[in-house]
N, C-alpha and C. Protein backbone atom coordinates (compact mmCIF):
# COMPACT_ATOMS: atom_id res chain seq x y z
N MET A 1 0.23 -7.33 -6.84
CA MET A 1 -0.35 -6.20 -6.16
C MET A 1 -1.83 -6.45 -5.93
N ASP A 2 -2.50 -7.03 -6.92
CA ASP A 2 -3.93 -7.33 -6.75
C ASP A 2 -4.17 -8.27 -5.58
N ALA A 3 -3.29 -9.26 -5.43
CA ALA A 3 -3.43 -10.21 -4.33
C ALA A 3 -3.24 -9.50 -2.99
N VAL A 4 -2.29 -8.58 -2.90
CA VAL A 4 -2.07 -7.83 -1.67
C VAL A 4 -3.30 -7.02 -1.31
N LEU A 5 -3.89 -6.36 -2.29
CA LEU A 5 -5.10 -5.57 -2.03
C LEU A 5 -6.28 -6.45 -1.61
N ARG A 6 -6.42 -7.60 -2.22
CA ARG A 6 -7.51 -8.52 -1.85
C ARG A 6 -7.34 -9.00 -0.41
N ILE A 7 -6.11 -9.33 -0.02
CA ILE A 7 -5.85 -9.78 1.35
C ILE A 7 -6.11 -8.64 2.33
N PHE A 8 -5.63 -7.44 2.00
CA PHE A 8 -5.86 -6.28 2.85
C PHE A 8 -7.35 -6.05 3.08
N LYS A 9 -8.12 -6.09 2.00
CA LYS A 9 -9.57 -5.86 2.13
C LYS A 9 -10.23 -6.93 2.98
N ARG A 10 -9.83 -8.17 2.81
CA ARG A 10 -10.42 -9.25 3.60
C ARG A 10 -10.08 -9.09 5.07
N VAL A 11 -8.82 -8.80 5.39
CA VAL A 11 -8.40 -8.63 6.78
C VAL A 11 -9.08 -7.41 7.40
N SER A 12 -9.29 -6.37 6.61
CA SER A 12 -9.91 -5.14 7.11
C SER A 12 -11.43 -5.23 7.17
N GLY A 13 -12.00 -6.32 6.67
CA GLY A 13 -13.45 -6.47 6.69
C GLY A 13 -14.17 -5.72 5.59
N LEU A 14 -13.45 -5.35 4.53
CA LEU A 14 -14.06 -4.65 3.40
C LEU A 14 -14.49 -5.67 2.36
N SER A 15 -15.51 -5.30 1.60
CA SER A 15 -15.92 -6.13 0.49
C SER A 15 -14.84 -6.08 -0.57
N GLU A 16 -14.59 -7.18 -1.25
CA GLU A 16 -13.56 -7.19 -2.29
C GLU A 16 -13.95 -6.31 -3.47
N THR A 17 -15.21 -5.93 -3.58
CA THR A 17 -15.65 -5.06 -4.67
C THR A 17 -15.56 -3.58 -4.30
N ASP A 18 -15.30 -3.27 -3.02
CA ASP A 18 -15.14 -1.87 -2.59
C ASP A 18 -13.87 -1.30 -3.19
N SER A 19 -14.01 -0.22 -3.95
CA SER A 19 -12.83 0.41 -4.52
C SER A 19 -12.30 1.52 -3.63
N GLU A 20 -13.13 2.01 -2.73
CA GLU A 20 -12.69 3.04 -1.79
C GLU A 20 -13.57 2.98 -0.56
N ILE A 21 -13.09 3.55 0.53
CA ILE A 21 -13.85 3.60 1.77
C ILE A 21 -14.73 4.84 1.73
N LYS A 22 -16.00 4.67 2.02
CA LYS A 22 -16.94 5.79 1.99
C LYS A 22 -17.18 6.28 3.41
N GLY A 23 -16.99 7.57 3.62
CA GLY A 23 -17.21 8.14 4.94
C GLY A 23 -16.03 7.89 5.86
N SER A 24 -15.95 8.67 6.92
CA SER A 24 -14.81 8.53 7.83
C SER A 24 -15.05 7.51 8.93
N ALA A 25 -16.27 7.01 9.06
CA ALA A 25 -16.57 6.07 10.13
C ALA A 25 -15.79 4.78 9.99
N GLY A 26 -15.48 4.37 8.76
CA GLY A 26 -14.78 3.13 8.54
C GLY A 26 -13.28 3.26 8.54
N LEU A 27 -12.75 4.47 8.73
CA LEU A 27 -11.31 4.66 8.68
C LEU A 27 -10.67 4.24 9.99
N THR A 28 -9.65 3.43 9.89
CA THR A 28 -8.86 3.03 11.04
C THR A 28 -7.40 3.00 10.63
N PHE A 29 -6.53 2.98 11.60
CA PHE A 29 -5.11 2.88 11.31
C PHE A 29 -4.78 1.44 10.95
N CYS A 30 -4.00 1.27 9.93
CA CYS A 30 -3.60 -0.06 9.51
C CYS A 30 -2.12 -0.03 9.14
N SER A 31 -1.38 -0.99 9.60
CA SER A 31 0.04 -1.07 9.29
C SER A 31 0.30 -2.36 8.52
N ILE A 32 0.98 -2.22 7.40
CA ILE A 32 1.30 -3.38 6.57
C ILE A 32 2.77 -3.33 6.24
N ARG A 33 3.42 -4.47 6.36
CA ARG A 33 4.83 -4.57 5.97
C ARG A 33 4.89 -5.45 4.74
N LEU A 34 5.41 -4.90 3.67
CA LEU A 34 5.53 -5.61 2.40
C LEU A 34 7.01 -5.88 2.16
N LEU A 35 7.38 -7.15 2.12
CA LEU A 35 8.77 -7.52 1.87
C LEU A 35 8.98 -7.71 0.38
N VAL A 36 9.98 -7.03 -0.15
CA VAL A 36 10.28 -7.09 -1.57
C VAL A 36 11.76 -7.44 -1.73
N ALA A 37 12.06 -8.33 -2.64
CA ALA A 37 13.45 -8.68 -2.90
C ALA A 37 14.21 -7.44 -3.34
N SER A 38 15.45 -7.33 -2.89
CA SER A 38 16.24 -6.14 -3.20
C SER A 38 16.40 -5.95 -4.70
N THR A 39 16.39 -7.03 -5.45
CA THR A 39 16.51 -6.91 -6.91
C THR A 39 15.26 -6.32 -7.54
N GLN A 40 14.14 -6.36 -6.83
CA GLN A 40 12.89 -5.82 -7.35
C GLN A 40 12.50 -4.48 -6.73
N ALA A 41 13.26 -4.04 -5.74
CA ALA A 41 12.91 -2.81 -5.02
C ALA A 41 12.87 -1.61 -5.95
N ILE A 42 13.74 -1.55 -6.93
CA ILE A 42 13.76 -0.41 -7.86
C ILE A 42 12.43 -0.29 -8.61
N SER A 43 11.77 -1.42 -8.83
CA SER A 43 10.47 -1.38 -9.51
C SER A 43 9.41 -0.72 -8.65
N LEU A 44 9.53 -0.86 -7.34
CA LEU A 44 8.58 -0.25 -6.41
C LEU A 44 8.93 1.22 -6.14
N ILE A 45 10.20 1.51 -6.05
CA ILE A 45 10.65 2.86 -5.73
C ILE A 45 10.53 3.79 -6.94
N GLY A 46 10.89 3.30 -8.11
CA GLY A 46 10.84 4.11 -9.32
C GLY A 46 12.07 5.00 -9.45
N LYS A 47 12.21 5.60 -10.60
CA LYS A 47 13.36 6.45 -10.87
C LYS A 47 13.34 7.66 -9.95
N GLN A 48 14.40 7.84 -9.18
CA GLN A 48 14.56 8.92 -8.21
C GLN A 48 13.39 8.98 -7.21
N GLY A 49 12.80 7.82 -6.93
CA GLY A 49 11.73 7.75 -5.94
C GLY A 49 10.38 8.22 -6.43
N SER A 50 10.22 8.39 -7.75
CA SER A 50 8.98 8.97 -8.28
C SER A 50 7.76 8.07 -8.05
N LEU A 51 7.91 6.77 -8.18
CA LEU A 51 6.75 5.87 -8.03
C LEU A 51 6.32 5.78 -6.57
N ILE A 52 7.27 5.63 -5.68
CA ILE A 52 6.92 5.52 -4.26
C ILE A 52 6.31 6.83 -3.77
N ARG A 53 6.80 7.97 -4.27
CA ARG A 53 6.24 9.28 -3.91
C ARG A 53 4.80 9.40 -4.41
N SER A 54 4.55 8.90 -5.61
CA SER A 54 3.20 8.93 -6.17
C SER A 54 2.24 8.07 -5.34
N ILE A 55 2.71 6.92 -4.91
CA ILE A 55 1.89 6.04 -4.06
C ILE A 55 1.56 6.75 -2.75
N GLN A 56 2.54 7.40 -2.15
CA GLN A 56 2.32 8.11 -0.90
C GLN A 56 1.31 9.24 -1.07
N GLU A 57 1.46 10.02 -2.12
CA GLU A 57 0.57 11.16 -2.33
C GLU A 57 -0.85 10.75 -2.65
N SER A 58 -1.02 9.71 -3.45
CA SER A 58 -2.37 9.30 -3.84
C SER A 58 -3.11 8.53 -2.76
N SER A 59 -2.37 7.86 -1.87
CA SER A 59 -3.02 7.04 -0.86
C SER A 59 -2.97 7.64 0.54
N GLY A 60 -2.09 8.60 0.75
CA GLY A 60 -1.92 9.15 2.09
C GLY A 60 -1.10 8.23 2.98
N ALA A 61 -0.50 7.21 2.39
CA ALA A 61 0.28 6.23 3.15
C ALA A 61 1.64 6.80 3.53
N SER A 62 2.15 6.29 4.61
CA SER A 62 3.53 6.58 5.01
C SER A 62 4.35 5.37 4.61
N VAL A 63 5.31 5.57 3.72
CA VAL A 63 6.11 4.46 3.20
C VAL A 63 7.54 4.63 3.67
N ARG A 64 8.07 3.56 4.25
CA ARG A 64 9.47 3.55 4.66
C ARG A 64 10.17 2.41 3.95
N VAL A 65 11.37 2.69 3.49
CA VAL A 65 12.18 1.66 2.85
C VAL A 65 13.31 1.33 3.81
N LEU A 66 13.35 0.07 4.23
CA LEU A 66 14.35 -0.38 5.21
C LEU A 66 15.41 -1.20 4.50
N SER A 67 16.63 -1.06 4.90
CA SER A 67 17.68 -1.88 4.32
C SER A 67 17.90 -3.11 5.19
N GLY A 68 18.57 -4.07 4.61
CA GLY A 68 18.89 -5.29 5.37
C GLY A 68 17.79 -6.22 5.37
């Protein structure tokens, strides 16, 4: 997860030490597709979707889980 965040920050032009974006001027739409092995998907989703729901609420992200 740390590696994903570091790559995201570099691609977005953020400093790797930035923990959050300050002000709305730097906000832009960003779409990221994270491929996870089906055997590991439960670790990301959590019991009854609790972890993925927490990620959505804390980050404001829209998360979709695709099959296949």
